[in-house]
Structure formats: structure tokens, C-alpha cells
Amino acid sequence: MRGLNKVTLIGNLGKDPELQTLEGNINVAKFSLATTETFKDTKGQTHTTTEWHSVVVWRNMADLAAKYLKKGSMIYLEGKIKTRSFEDKMGEKRYVTEIIGDSFIMLDKPEELHP
């Protein structure tokens, strides 16, 4: 049986996308995405929790993200979870879990995109 690695998120950008151009003229954009859930406990009190996700998009999606998205933009994102490791400056092995975006849809109203 094959596995499935699929993530679907709706949230708001925590910062403007950071665009980089790598060797071979390949663009990559990175940004944080906040997803917020609200629920009521057994006493009827409302609680809100926010989860932060590190998102990476490549090539044309990176260009679109850098051009049209900004801090606070609301998007629908589809992608997959990827964990990578690296050595920090002290030689310690560190792990980073990111969402690799396959597609996104901008959910802001047109007047919110171009005030």
C-alpha cells in the first residue's frame, strides 16, 4: 500500500514572503502561516489556539507569493510535510519541519489585495 503525505491549510501569513534565487535561477519563497481554531469548553468558555507553520514554495509559485502575498494575507494552501536536518553553528544536529506548498489560492477580497 502506498502512503499519502497531504496537507490542507487555511490561514494568514505571519510575515511577507522572503524570496531567494538559488543556483540555476530557481526561485524559492518562505513564509509563516498561522492557522487558528476556536472552541468552547464544557463550561461554555471560548478558547482560541494558533498553530504556526513554516511554508516553502518553489519556482512560479514562489514568484506569485512574492508578488501578491503579504503579512496578513489569507490563503488556502495544499502541500506536503517535509522534515530536514542540518548542523547548526555549534555542530549540533537540528531538525526543521516545513510545509512544501504545491498550490495556493488567495482568499482575500480584491479590495484587500490592492488598497
PDB file of N, CA and C in Angstrom:
ATOM      1  N   MET A   1       0.836  -1.180   0.000  1.00  0.00           N
ATOM      2  CA  MET A   1       0.000   0.000   0.000  1.00  0.00           C
ATOM      3  C   MET A   1       0.878   1.240   0.000  1.00  0.00           C
ATOM      4  N   ARG A   2       0.505   2.215  -0.814  1.00  0.00           N
ATOM      5  CA  ARG A   2       1.254   3.472  -0.880  1.00  0.00           C
ATOM      6  C   ARG A   2       0.815   4.396   0.235  1.00  0.00           C
ATOM      7  N   GLY A   3       1.718   5.269   0.643  1.00  0.00           N
ATOM      8  CA  GLY A   3       1.396   6.248   1.670  1.00  0.00           C
ATOM      9  C   GLY A   3       0.837   7.519   1.056  1.00  0.00           C
ATOM     10  N   LEU A   4       0.373   8.405   1.910  1.00  0.00           N
ATOM     11  CA  LEU A   4      -0.161   9.694   1.470  1.00  0.00           C
ATOM     12  C   LEU A   4       0.378  10.776   2.384  1.00  0.00           C
ATOM     13  N   ASN A   5       0.984  11.790   1.800  1.00  0.00           N
ATOM     14  CA  ASN A   5       1.505  12.926   2.542  1.00  0.00           C
ATOM     15  C   ASN A   5       0.836  14.164   1.961  1.00  0.00           C
ATOM     16  N   LYS A   6      -0.283  14.583   2.538  1.00  0.00           N
ATOM     17  CA  LYS A   6      -1.047  15.711   2.012  1.00  0.00           C
ATOM     18  C   LYS A   6      -1.494  16.593   3.157  1.00  0.00           C
ATOM     19  N   VAL A   7      -1.293  17.888   2.988  1.00  0.00           N
ATOM     20  CA  VAL A   7      -1.671  18.884   3.984  1.00  0.00           C
ATOM     21  C   VAL A   7      -2.570  19.909   3.318  1.00  0.00           C
ATOM     22  N   THR A   8      -3.648  20.278   4.001  1.00  0.00           N
ATOM     23  CA  THR A   8      -4.536  21.338   3.541  1.00  0.00           C
ATOM     24  C   THR A   8      -4.692  22.327   4.687  1.00  0.00           C
ATOM     25  N   LEU A   9      -4.356  23.587   4.437  1.00  0.00           N
ATOM     26  CA  LEU A   9      -4.422  24.619   5.472  1.00  0.00           C
ATOM     27  C   LEU A   9      -5.133  25.857   4.943  1.00  0.00           C
ATOM     28  N   ILE A  10      -5.853  26.532   5.821  1.00  0.00           N
ATOM     29  CA  ILE A  10      -6.378  27.867   5.543  1.00  0.00           C
ATOM     30  C   ILE A  10      -5.883  28.736   6.690  1.00  0.00           C
ATOM     31  N   GLY A  11      -5.174  29.809   6.343  1.00  0.00           N
ATOM     32  CA  GLY A  11      -4.630  30.662   7.390  1.00  0.00           C
ATOM     33  C   GLY A  11      -4.126  31.982   6.854  1.00  0.00           C
ATOM     34  N   ASN A  12      -3.486  32.722   7.750  1.00  0.00           N
ATOM     35  CA  ASN A  12      -2.966  34.050   7.432  1.00  0.00           C
ATOM     36  C   ASN A  12      -1.451  34.058   7.531  1.00  0.00           C
ATOM     37  N   LEU A  13      -0.815  34.763   6.586  1.00  0.00           N
ATOM     38  CA  LEU A  13       0.638  34.886   6.602  1.00  0.00           C
ATOM     39  C   LEU A  13       1.082  35.693   7.816  1.00  0.00           C
ATOM     40  N   GLY A  14       2.125  35.195   8.479  1.00  0.00           N
ATOM     41  CA  GLY A  14       2.668  35.891   9.641  1.00  0.00           C
ATOM     42  C   GLY A  14       3.700  36.940   9.273  1.00  0.00           C
ATOM     43  N   LYS A  15       4.198  36.861   8.042  1.00  0.00           N
ATOM     44  CA  LYS A  15       5.168  37.848   7.555  1.00  0.00           C
ATOM     45  C   LYS A  15       5.152  37.817   6.037  1.00  0.00           C
ATOM     46  N   ASP A  16       5.729  38.833   5.423  1.00  0.00           N
ATOM     47  CA  ASP A  16       5.845  38.854   3.965  1.00  0.00           C
ATOM     48  C   ASP A  16       6.729  37.698   3.506  1.00  0.00           C
ATOM     49  N   PRO A  17       6.421  37.107   2.351  1.00  0.00           N
ATOM     50  CA  PRO A  17       7.281  36.041   1.832  1.00  0.00           C
ATOM     51  C   PRO A  17       8.702  36.543   1.581  1.00  0.00           C
ATOM     52  N   GLU A  18       9.680  35.695   1.884  1.00  0.00           N
ATOM     53  CA  GLU A  18      11.082  36.009   1.617  1.00  0.00           C
ATOM     54  C   GLU A  18      11.493  35.235   0.371  1.00  0.00           C
ATOM     55  N   LEU A  19      11.802  35.945  -0.693  1.00  0.00           N
ATOM     56  CA  LEU A  19      12.147  35.331  -1.971  1.00  0.00           C
ATOM     57  C   LEU A  19      13.661  35.232  -2.114  1.00  0.00           C
ATOM     58  N   GLN A  20      14.140  34.053  -2.522  1.00  0.00           N
ATOM     59  CA  GLN A  20      15.558  33.834  -2.798  1.00  0.00           C
ATOM     60  C   GLN A  20      15.684  33.211  -4.179  1.00  0.00           C
ATOM     61  N   THR A  21      16.779  33.516  -4.846  1.00  0.00           N
ATOM     62  CA  THR A  21      17.086  32.868  -6.115  1.00  0.00           C
ATOM     63  C   THR A  21      18.308  31.989  -5.907  1.00  0.00           C
ATOM     64  N   LEU A  22      18.124  30.698  -6.161  1.00  0.00           N
ATOM     65  CA  LEU A  22      19.190  29.722  -5.956  1.00  0.00           C
ATOM     66  C   LEU A  22      19.957  29.486  -7.246  1.00  0.00           C
ATOM     67  N   GLU A  23      21.010  28.691  -7.140  1.00  0.00           N
ATOM     68  CA  GLU A  23      21.805  28.328  -8.310  1.00  0.00           C
ATOM     69  C   GLU A  23      20.886  27.728  -9.382  1.00  0.00           C
ATOM     70  N   GLY A  24      21.122  28.093 -10.619  1.00  0.00           N
ATOM     71  CA  GLY A  24      20.275  27.626 -11.713  1.00  0.00           C
ATOM     72  C   GLY A  24      19.058  28.517 -11.922  1.00  0.00           C
ATOM     73  N   ASN A  25      19.073  29.688 -11.264  1.00  0.00           N
ATOM     74  CA  ASN A  25      17.991  30.665 -11.390  1.00  0.00           C
ATOM     75  C   ASN A  25      16.640  30.105 -10.932  1.00  0.00           C
ATOM     76  N   ILE A  26      16.663  29.298  -9.862  1.00  0.00           N
ATOM     77  CA  ILE A  26      15.447  28.712  -9.296  1.00  0.00           C
ATOM     78  C   ILE A  26      15.022  29.545  -8.094  1.00  0.00           C
ATOM     79  N   ASN A  27      13.775  30.031  -8.130  1.00  0.00           N
ATOM     80  CA  ASN A  27      13.252  30.850  -7.044  1.00  0.00           C
ATOM     81  C   ASN A  27      12.569  30.002  -5.984  1.00  0.00           C
ATOM     82  N   VAL A  28      12.752  30.413  -4.735  1.00  0.00           N
ATOM     83  CA  VAL A  28      12.091  29.787  -3.594  1.00  0.00           C
ATOM     84  C   VAL A  28      11.617  30.901  -2.665  1.00  0.00           C
ATOM     85  N   ALA A  29      10.399  30.762  -2.157  1.00  0.00           N
ATOM     86  CA  ALA A  29       9.855  31.736  -1.208  1.00  0.00           C
ATOM     87  C   ALA A  29       9.488  31.009   0.076  1.00  0.00           C
ATOM     88  N   LYS A  30       9.765  31.656   1.195  1.00  0.00           N
ATOM     89  CA  LYS A  30       9.450  31.096   2.507  1.00  0.00           C
ATOM     90  C   LYS A  30       8.608  32.101   3.276  1.00  0.00           C
ATOM     91  N   PHE A  31       7.608  31.564   4.005  1.00  0.00           N
ATOM     92  CA  PHE A  31       6.782  32.417   4.858  1.00  0.00           C
ATOM     93  C   PHE A  31       6.148  31.571   5.954  1.00  0.00           C
ATOM     94  N   SER A  32       5.683  32.241   6.989  1.00  0.00           N
ATOM     95  CA  SER A  32       4.981  31.539   8.065  1.00  0.00           C
ATOM     96  C   SER A  32       3.478  31.696   7.841  1.00  0.00           C
ATOM     97  N   LEU A  33       2.733  30.666   8.227  1.00  0.00           N
ATOM     98  CA  LEU A  33       1.286  30.667   8.066  1.00  0.00           C
ATOM     99  C   LEU A  33       0.660  30.292   9.399  1.00  0.00           C
ATOM    100  N   ALA A  34      -0.275  31.106   9.873  1.00  0.00           N
ATOM    101  CA  ALA A  34      -0.965  30.859  11.135  1.00  0.00           C
ATOM    102  C   ALA A  34      -2.344  30.277  10.858  1.00  0.00           C
ATOM    103  N   THR A  35      -2.641  29.151  11.507  1.00  0.00           N
ATOM    104  CA  THR A  35      -3.990  28.595  11.466  1.00  0.00           C
ATOM    105  C   THR A  35      -4.560  28.706  12.876  1.00  0.00           C
ATOM    106  N   THR A  36      -5.796  29.175  12.976  1.00  0.00           N
ATOM    107  CA  THR A  36      -6.404  29.434  14.266  1.00  0.00           C
ATOM    108  C   THR A  36      -7.679  28.617  14.419  1.00  0.00           C
ATOM    109  N   GLU A  37      -7.821  27.983  15.564  1.00  0.00           N
ATOM    110  CA  GLU A  37      -9.020  27.223  15.885  1.00  0.00           C
ATOM    111  C   GLU A  37      -9.665  27.820  17.131  1.00  0.00           C
ATOM    112  N   THR A  38     -10.984  27.881  17.112  1.00  0.00           N
ATOM    113  CA  THR A  38     -11.733  28.368  18.256  1.00  0.00           C
ATOM    114  C   THR A  38     -12.692  27.274  18.699  1.00  0.00           C
ATOM    115  N   PHE A  39     -12.765  27.051  19.999  1.00  0.00           N
ATOM    116  CA  PHE A  39     -13.673  26.029  20.529  1.00  0.00           C
ATOM    117  C   PHE A  39     -14.194  26.473  21.887  1.00  0.00           C
ATOM    118  N   LYS A  40     -15.301  25.851  22.297  1.00  0.00           N
ATOM    119  CA  LYS A  40     -15.878  26.118  23.616  1.00  0.00           C
ATOM    120  C   LYS A  40     -15.639  24.906  24.499  1.00  0.00           C
ATOM    121  N   ASP A  41     -15.258  25.174  25.751  1.00  0.00           N
ATOM    122  CA  ASP A  41     -15.057  24.084  26.696  1.00  0.00           C
ATOM    123  C   ASP A  41     -16.398  23.687  27.317  1.00  0.00           C
ATOM    124  N   THR A  42     -16.356  22.759  28.242  1.00  0.00           N
ATOM    125  CA  THR A  42     -17.592  22.253  28.850  1.00  0.00           C
ATOM    126  C   THR A  42     -18.333  23.317  29.658  1.00  0.00           C
ATOM    127  N   LYS A  43     -17.646  24.386  30.053  1.00  0.00           N
ATOM    128  CA  LYS A  43     -18.270  25.476  30.801  1.00  0.00           C
ATOM    129  C   LYS A  43     -18.782  26.580  29.882  1.00  0.00           C
ATOM    130  N   GLY A  44     -18.605  26.391  28.565  1.00  0.00           N
ATOM    131  CA  GLY A  44     -19.091  27.380  27.602  1.00  0.00           C
ATOM    132  C   GLY A  44     -18.125  28.507  27.318  1.00  0.00           C
ATOM    133  N   GLN A  45     -16.918  28.432  27.877  1.00  0.00           N
ATOM    134  CA  GLN A  45     -15.925  29.475  27.634  1.00  0.00           C
ATOM    135  C   GLN A  45     -15.239  29.225  26.295  1.00  0.00           C
ATOM    136  N   THR A  46     -15.031  30.302  25.547  1.00  0.00           N
ATOM    137  CA  THR A  46     -14.394  30.208  24.236  1.00  0.00           C
ATOM    138  C   THR A  46     -12.879  30.256  24.389  1.00  0.00           C
ATOM    139  N   HIS A  47     -12.207  29.350  23.685  1.00  0.00           N
ATOM    140  CA  HIS A  47     -10.750  29.298  23.679  1.00  0.00           C
ATOM    141  C   HIS A  47     -10.266  29.347  22.235  1.00  0.00           C
ATOM    142  N   THR A  48      -9.147  30.008  22.019  1.00  0.00           N
ATOM    143  CA  THR A  48      -8.556  30.111  20.692  1.00  0.00           C
ATOM    144  C   THR A  48      -7.116  29.618  20.762  1.00  0.00           C
ATOM    145  N   THR A  49      -6.756  28.765  19.798  1.00  0.00           N
ATOM    146  CA  THR A  49      -5.373  28.309  19.702  1.00  0.00           C
ATOM    147  C   THR A  49      -4.862  28.593  18.289  1.00  0.00           C
ATOM    148  N   THR A  50      -3.622  29.008  18.209  1.00  0.00           N
ATOM    149  CA  THR A  50      -2.995  29.299  16.922  1.00  0.00           C
ATOM    150  C   THR A  50      -1.786  28.410  16.741  1.00  0.00           C
ATOM    151  N   GLU A  51      -1.709  27.787  15.578  1.00  0.00           N
ATOM    152  CA  GLU A  51      -0.576  26.941  15.211  1.00  0.00           C
ATOM    153  C   GLU A  51       0.183  27.653  14.086  1.00  0.00           C
ATOM    154  N   TRP A  52       1.516  27.702  14.201  1.00  0.00           N
ATOM    155  CA  TRP A  52       2.341  28.345  13.175  1.00  0.00           C
ATOM    156  C   TRP A  52       3.020  27.296  12.318  1.00  0.00           C
ATOM    157  N   HIS A  53       2.983  27.495  11.006  1.00  0.00           N
ATOM    158  CA  HIS A  53       3.567  26.568  10.047  1.00  0.00           C
ATOM    159  C   HIS A  53       4.608  27.296   9.198  1.00  0.00           C
ATOM    160  N   SER A  54       5.738  26.651   8.957  1.00  0.00           N
ATOM    161  CA  SER A  54       6.749  27.181   8.042  1.00  0.00           C
ATOM    162  C   SER A  54       6.440  26.639   6.657  1.00  0.00           C
ATOM    163  N   VAL A  55       6.253  27.533   5.689  1.00  0.00           N
ATOM    164  CA  VAL A  55       5.856  27.140   4.341  1.00  0.00           C
ATOM    165  C   VAL A  55       6.964  27.497   3.357  1.00  0.00           C
ATOM    166  N   VAL A  56       7.205  26.580   2.407  1.00  0.00           N
ATOM    167  CA  VAL A  56       8.178  26.801   1.342  1.00  0.00           C
ATOM    168  C   VAL A  56       7.477  26.534   0.013  1.00  0.00           C
ATOM    169  N   VAL A  57       7.592  27.482  -0.918  1.00  0.00           N
ATOM    170  CA  VAL A  57       7.051  27.290  -2.267  1.00  0.00           C
ATOM    171  C   VAL A  57       8.168  27.558  -3.271  1.00  0.00           C
ATOM    172  N   TRP A  58       8.100  26.859  -4.409  1.00  0.00           N
ATOM    173  CA  TRP A  58       9.174  26.894  -5.393  1.00  0.00           C
ATOM    174  C   TRP A  58       8.721  27.462  -6.731  1.00  0.00           C
ATOM    175  N   ARG A  59       9.689  27.933  -7.494  1.00  0.00           N
ATOM    176  CA  ARG A  59       9.565  28.351  -8.890  1.00  0.00           C
ATOM    177  C   ARG A  59       8.441  29.359  -9.107  1.00  0.00           C
ATOM    178  N   ASN A  60       7.482  29.056  -9.993  1.00  0.00           N
ATOM    179  CA  ASN A  60       6.422  30.021 -10.311  1.00  0.00           C
ATOM    180  C   ASN A  60       5.579  30.386  -9.090  1.00  0.00           C
ATOM    181  N   MET A  61       5.334  29.393  -8.228  1.00  0.00           N
ATOM    182  CA  MET A  61       4.577  29.693  -7.007  1.00  0.00           C
ATOM    183  C   MET A  61       5.336  30.667  -6.115  1.00  0.00           C
ATOM    184  N   ALA A  62       6.643  30.554  -6.091  1.00  0.00           N
ATOM    185  CA  ALA A  62       7.461  31.484  -5.304  1.00  0.00           C
ATOM    186  C   ALA A  62       7.319  32.897  -5.861  1.00  0.00           C
ATOM    187  N   ASP A  63       7.334  33.021  -7.184  1.00  0.00           N
ATOM    188  CA  ASP A  63       7.172  34.335  -7.814  1.00  0.00           C
ATOM    189  C   ASP A  63       5.811  34.933  -7.482  1.00  0.00           C
ATOM    190  N   LEU A  64       4.757  34.106  -7.572  1.00  0.00           N
ATOM    191  CA  LEU A  64       3.402  34.585  -7.261  1.00  0.00           C
ATOM    192  C   LEU A  64       3.272  34.993  -5.800  1.00  0.00           C
ATOM    193  N   ALA A  65       3.844  34.185  -4.915  1.00  0.00           N
ATOM    194  CA  ALA A  65       3.788  34.500  -3.488  1.00  0.00           C
ATOM    195  C   ALA A  65       4.471  35.834  -3.201  1.00  0.00           C
ATOM    196  N   ALA A  66       5.658  36.034  -3.767  1.00  0.00           N
ATOM    197  CA  ALA A  66       6.400  37.278  -3.533  1.00  0.00           C
ATOM    198  C   ALA A  66       5.668  38.481  -4.100  1.00  0.00           C
ATOM    199  N   LYS A  67       4.971  38.288  -5.216  1.00  0.00           N
ATOM    200  CA  LYS A  67       4.292  39.403  -5.875  1.00  0.00           C
ATOM    201  C   LYS A  67       2.963  39.765  -5.211  1.00  0.00           C
ATOM    202  N   TYR A  68       2.178  38.758  -4.795  1.00  0.00           N
ATOM    203  CA  TYR A  68       0.806  39.022  -4.364  1.00  0.00           C
ATOM    204  C   TYR A  68       0.523  38.834  -2.879  1.00  0.00           C
ATOM    205  N   LEU A  69       1.354  38.088  -2.171  1.00  0.00           N
ATOM    206  CA  LEU A  69       1.081  37.836  -0.762  1.00  0.00           C
ATOM    207  C   LEU A  69       1.857  38.792   0.121  1.00  0.00           C
ATOM    208  N   LYS A  70       1.256  39.080   1.267  1.00  0.00           N
ATOM    209  CA  LYS A  70       1.919  39.942   2.250  1.00  0.00           C
ATOM    210  C   LYS A  70       1.468  39.517   3.643  1.00  0.00           C
ATOM    211  N   LYS A  71       2.101  40.055   4.648  1.00  0.00           N
ATOM    212  CA  LYS A  71       1.727  39.747   6.021  1.00  0.00           C
ATOM    213  C   LYS A  71       0.229  39.979   6.188  1.00  0.00           C
ATOM    214  N   GLY A  72      -0.461  38.994   6.747  1.00  0.00           N
ATOM    215  CA  GLY A  72      -1.902  39.095   6.965  1.00  0.00           C
ATOM    216  C   GLY A  72      -2.750  38.493   5.862  1.00  0.00           C
ATOM    217  N   SER A  73      -2.175  38.256   4.673  1.00  0.00           N
ATOM    218  CA  SER A  73      -2.943  37.664   3.574  1.00  0.00           C
ATOM    219  C   SER A  73      -3.518  36.315   4.005  1.00  0.00           C
ATOM    220  N   MET A  74      -4.778  36.060   3.629  1.00  0.00           N
ATOM    221  CA  MET A  74      -5.397  34.776   3.911  1.00  0.00           C
ATOM    222  C   MET A  74      -5.308  33.906   2.657  1.00  0.00           C
ATOM    223  N   ILE A  75      -4.834  32.665   2.847  1.00  0.00           N
ATOM    224  CA  ILE A  75      -4.718  31.747   1.715  1.00  0.00           C
ATOM    225  C   ILE A  75      -5.224  30.352   2.086  1.00  0.00           C
ATOM    226  N   TYR A  76      -5.599  29.622   1.052  1.00  0.00           N
ATOM    227  CA  TYR A  76      -5.865  28.190   1.128  1.00  0.00           C
ATOM    228  C   TYR A  76      -4.624  27.542   0.522  1.00  0.00           C
ATOM    229  N   LEU A  77      -4.002  26.619   1.237  1.00  0.00           N
ATOM    230  CA  LEU A  77      -2.737  26.020   0.804  1.00  0.00           C
ATOM    231  C   LEU A  77      -2.844  24.502   0.799  1.00  0.00           C
ATOM    232  N   GLU A  78      -2.341  23.892  -0.263  1.00  0.00           N
ATOM    233  CA  GLU A  78      -2.203  22.441  -0.315  1.00  0.00           C
ATOM    234  C   GLU A  78      -0.729  22.115  -0.495  1.00  0.00           C
ATOM    235  N   GLY A  79      -0.283  21.067   0.172  1.00  0.00           N
ATOM    236  CA  GLY A  79       1.112  20.680   0.055  1.00  0.00           C
ATOM    237  C   GLY A  79       1.392  19.401   0.796  1.00  0.00           C
ATOM    238  N   LYS A  80       2.659  19.239   1.218  1.00  0.00           N
ATOM    239  CA  LYS A  80       3.064  18.047   1.952  1.00  0.00           C
ATOM    240  C   LYS A  80       4.026  18.446   3.063  1.00  0.00           C
ATOM    241  N   ILE A  81       4.137  17.588   4.064  1.00  0.00           N
ATOM    242  CA  ILE A  81       5.036  17.826   5.187  1.00  0.00           C
ATOM    243  C   ILE A  81       6.403  17.240   4.854  1.00  0.00           C
ATOM    244  N   LYS A  82       7.438  18.006   5.155  1.00  0.00           N
ATOM    245  CA  LYS A  82       8.812  17.531   4.908  1.00  0.00           C
ATOM    246  C   LYS A  82       9.665  17.941   6.108  1.00  0.00           C
ATOM    247  N   THR A  83      10.434  16.993   6.621  1.00  0.00           N
ATOM    248  CA  THR A  83      11.371  17.279   7.712  1.00  0.00           C
ATOM    249  C   THR A  83      12.783  17.108   7.178  1.00  0.00           C
ATOM    250  N   ARG A  84      13.610  18.098   7.454  1.00  0.00           N
ATOM    251  CA  ARG A  84      15.006  18.029   7.017  1.00  0.00           C
ATOM    252  C   ARG A  84      15.898  18.296   8.225  1.00  0.00           C
ATOM    253  N   SER A  85      17.138  17.885   8.122  1.00  0.00           N
ATOM    254  CA  SER A  85      18.079  18.102   9.213  1.00  0.00           C
ATOM    255  C   SER A  85      19.275  18.908   8.705  1.00  0.00           C
ATOM    256  N   PHE A  86      19.917  19.584   9.643  1.00  0.00           N
ATOM    257  CA  PHE A  86      21.115  20.353   9.330  1.00  0.00           C
ATOM    258  C   PHE A  86      21.951  20.481  10.601  1.00  0.00           C
ATOM    259  N   GLU A  87      23.196  20.887  10.447  1.00  0.00           N
ATOM    260  CA  GLU A  87      24.050  21.145  11.608  1.00  0.00           C
ATOM    261  C   GLU A  87      24.105  22.638  11.861  1.00  0.00           C
ATOM    262  N   ASP A  88      23.870  23.034  13.116  1.00  0.00           N
ATOM    263  CA  ASP A  88      23.935  24.450  13.455  1.00  0.00           C
ATOM    264  C   ASP A  88      25.388  24.887  13.624  1.00  0.00           C
ATOM    265  N   LYS A  89      25.593  26.137  13.998  1.00  0.00           N
ATOM    266  CA  LYS A  89      26.942  26.700  14.113  1.00  0.00           C
ATOM    267  C   LYS A  89      27.780  25.996  15.172  1.00  0.00           C
ATOM    268  N   MET A  90      27.108  25.369  16.137  1.00  0.00           N
ATOM    269  CA  MET A  90      27.804  24.662  17.212  1.00  0.00           C
ATOM    270  C   MET A  90      28.032  23.189  16.874  1.00  0.00           C
ATOM    271  N   GLY A  91      27.644  22.774  15.662  1.00  0.00           N
ATOM    272  CA  GLY A  91      27.828  21.390  15.245  1.00  0.00           C
ATOM    273  C   GLY A  91      26.714  20.452  15.704  1.00  0.00           C
ATOM    274  N   GLU A  92      25.653  21.019  16.300  1.00  0.00           N
ATOM    275  CA  GLU A  92      24.525  20.210  16.767  1.00  0.00           C
ATOM    276  C   GLU A  92      23.581  19.916  15.599  1.00  0.00           C
ATOM    277  N   LYS A  93      23.065  18.701  15.562  1.00  0.00           N
ATOM    278  CA  LYS A  93      22.107  18.334  14.520  1.00  0.00           C
ATOM    279  C   LYS A  93      20.738  18.891  14.894  1.00  0.00           C
ATOM    280  N   ARG A  94      20.135  19.624  13.973  1.00  0.00           N
ATOM    281  CA  ARG A  94      18.816  20.238  14.177  1.00  0.00           C
ATOM    282  C   ARG A  94      17.858  19.729  13.118  1.00  0.00           C
ATOM    283  N   TYR A  95      16.583  19.748  13.453  1.00  0.00           N
ATOM    284  CA  TYR A  95      15.536  19.316  12.530  1.00  0.00           C
ATOM    285  C   TYR A  95      14.541  20.436  12.316  1.00  0.00           C
ATOM    286  N   VAL A  96      14.066  20.567  11.079  1.00  0.00           N
ATOM    287  CA  VAL A  96      13.070  21.571  10.720  1.00  0.00           C
ATOM    288  C   VAL A  96      11.957  20.862   9.968  1.00  0.00           C
ATOM    289  N   THR A  97      10.723  21.084  10.393  1.00  0.00           N
ATOM    290  CA  THR A  97       9.570  20.535   9.686  1.00  0.00           C
ATOM    291  C   THR A  97       8.888  21.678   8.947  1.00  0.00           C
ATOM    292  N   GLU A  98       8.700  21.494   7.642  1.00  0.00           N
ATOM    293  CA  GLU A  98       8.124  22.535   6.793  1.00  0.00           C
ATOM    294  C   GLU A  98       6.972  21.972   5.981  1.00  0.00           C
ATOM    295  N   ILE A  99       6.129  22.861   5.505  1.00  0.00           N
ATOM    296  CA  ILE A  99       5.090  22.514   4.551  1.00  0.00           C
ATOM    297  C   ILE A  99       5.609  22.938   3.181  1.00  0.00           C
ATOM    298  N   ILE A 100       5.742  21.982   2.272  1.00  0.00           N
ATOM    299  CA  ILE A 100       6.150  22.276   0.894  1.00  0.00           C
ATOM    300  C   ILE A 100       4.861  22.489   0.107  1.00  0.00           C
ATOM    301  N   GLY A 101       4.617  23.735  -0.283  1.00  0.00           N
ATOM    302  CA  GLY A 101       3.371  24.074  -0.959  1.00  0.00           C
ATOM    303  C   GLY A 101       3.333  23.592  -2.396  1.00  0.00           C
ATOM    304  N   ASP A 102       2.234  22.919  -2.758  1.00  0.00           N
ATOM    305  CA  ASP A 102       2.002  22.504  -4.144  1.00  0.00           C
ATOM    306  C   ASP A 102       1.130  23.522  -4.874  1.00  0.00           C
ATOM    307  N   SER A 103       0.193  24.135  -4.139  1.00  0.00           N
ATOM    308  CA  SER A 103      -0.690  25.145  -4.724  1.00  0.00           C
ATOM    309  C   SER A 103      -1.277  25.994  -3.612  1.00  0.00           C
ATOM    310  N   PHE A 104      -1.651  27.214  -3.962  1.00  0.00           N
ATOM    311  CA  PHE A 104      -2.376  28.055  -3.006  1.00  0.00           C
ATOM    312  C   PHE A 104      -3.388  28.905  -3.752  1.00  0.00           C
ATOM    313  N   ILE A 105      -4.425  29.293  -3.018  1.00  0.00           N
ATOM    314  CA  ILE A 105      -5.460  30.177  -3.542  1.00  0.00           C
ATOM    315  C   ILE A 105      -5.558  31.359  -2.593  1.00  0.00           C
ATOM    316  N   MET A 106      -5.509  32.554  -3.132  1.00  0.00           N
ATOM    317  CA  MET A 106      -5.631  33.761  -2.317  1.00  0.00           C
ATOM    318  C   MET A 106      -7.099  33.953  -1.951  1.00  0.00           C
ATOM    319  N   LEU A 107      -7.394  34.130  -0.676  1.00  0.00           N
ATOM    320  CA  LEU A 107      -8.769  34.240  -0.204  1.00  0.00           C
ATOM    321  C   LEU A 107      -9.170  35.660   0.175  1.00  0.00           C
ATOM    322  N   ASP A 108      -8.247  36.604   0.094  1.00  0.00           N
ATOM    323  CA  ASP A 108      -8.579  37.995   0.406  1.00  0.00           C
ATOM    324  C   ASP A 108      -9.523  38.554  -0.653  1.00  0.00           C
ATOM    325  N   LYS A 109     -10.361  39.481  -0.241  1.00  0.00           N
ATOM    326  CA  LYS A 109     -11.221  40.180  -1.192  1.00  0.00           C
ATOM    327  C   LYS A 109     -10.339  41.070  -2.062  1.00  0.00           C
ATOM    328  N   PRO A 110     -10.744  41.328  -3.314  1.00  0.00           N
ATOM    329  CA  PRO A 110      -9.899  42.141  -4.214  1.00  0.00           C
ATOM    330  C   PRO A 110      -9.494  43.486  -3.624  1.00  0.00           C
ATOM    331  N   GLU A 111     -10.401  44.176  -2.913  1.00  0.00           N
ATOM    332  CA  GLU A 111     -10.024  45.488  -2.370  1.00  0.00           C
ATOM    333  C   GLU A 111      -9.014  45.350  -1.246  1.00  0.00           C
ATOM    334  N   GLU A 112      -8.924  44.160  -0.607  1.00  0.00           N
ATOM    335  CA  GLU A 112      -7.914  43.946   0.424  1.00  0.00           C
ATOM    336  C   GLU A 112      -6.538  43.717  -0.208  1.00  0.00           C
ATOM    337  N   LEU A 113      -6.522  43.244  -1.453  1.00  0.00           N
ATOM    338  CA  LEU A 113      -5.252  42.999  -2.130  1.00  0.00           C
ATOM    339  C   LEU A 113      -4.609  44.293  -2.603  1.00  0.00           C
ATOM    340  N   HIS A 114      -5.432  45.237  -3.047  1.00  0.00           N
ATOM    341  CA  HIS A 114      -4.916  46.485  -3.617  1.00  0.00           C
ATOM    342  C   HIS A 114      -5.656  47.669  -2.977  1.00  0.00           C
ATOM    343  N   PRO A 115      -5.240  48.054  -1.767  1.00  0.00           N
ATOM    344  CA  PRO A 115      -5.942  49.166  -1.099  1.00  0.00           C
ATOM    345  C   PRO A 115      -5.737  50.489  -1.796  1.00  0.00           C
TER     346      PRO A 115
END
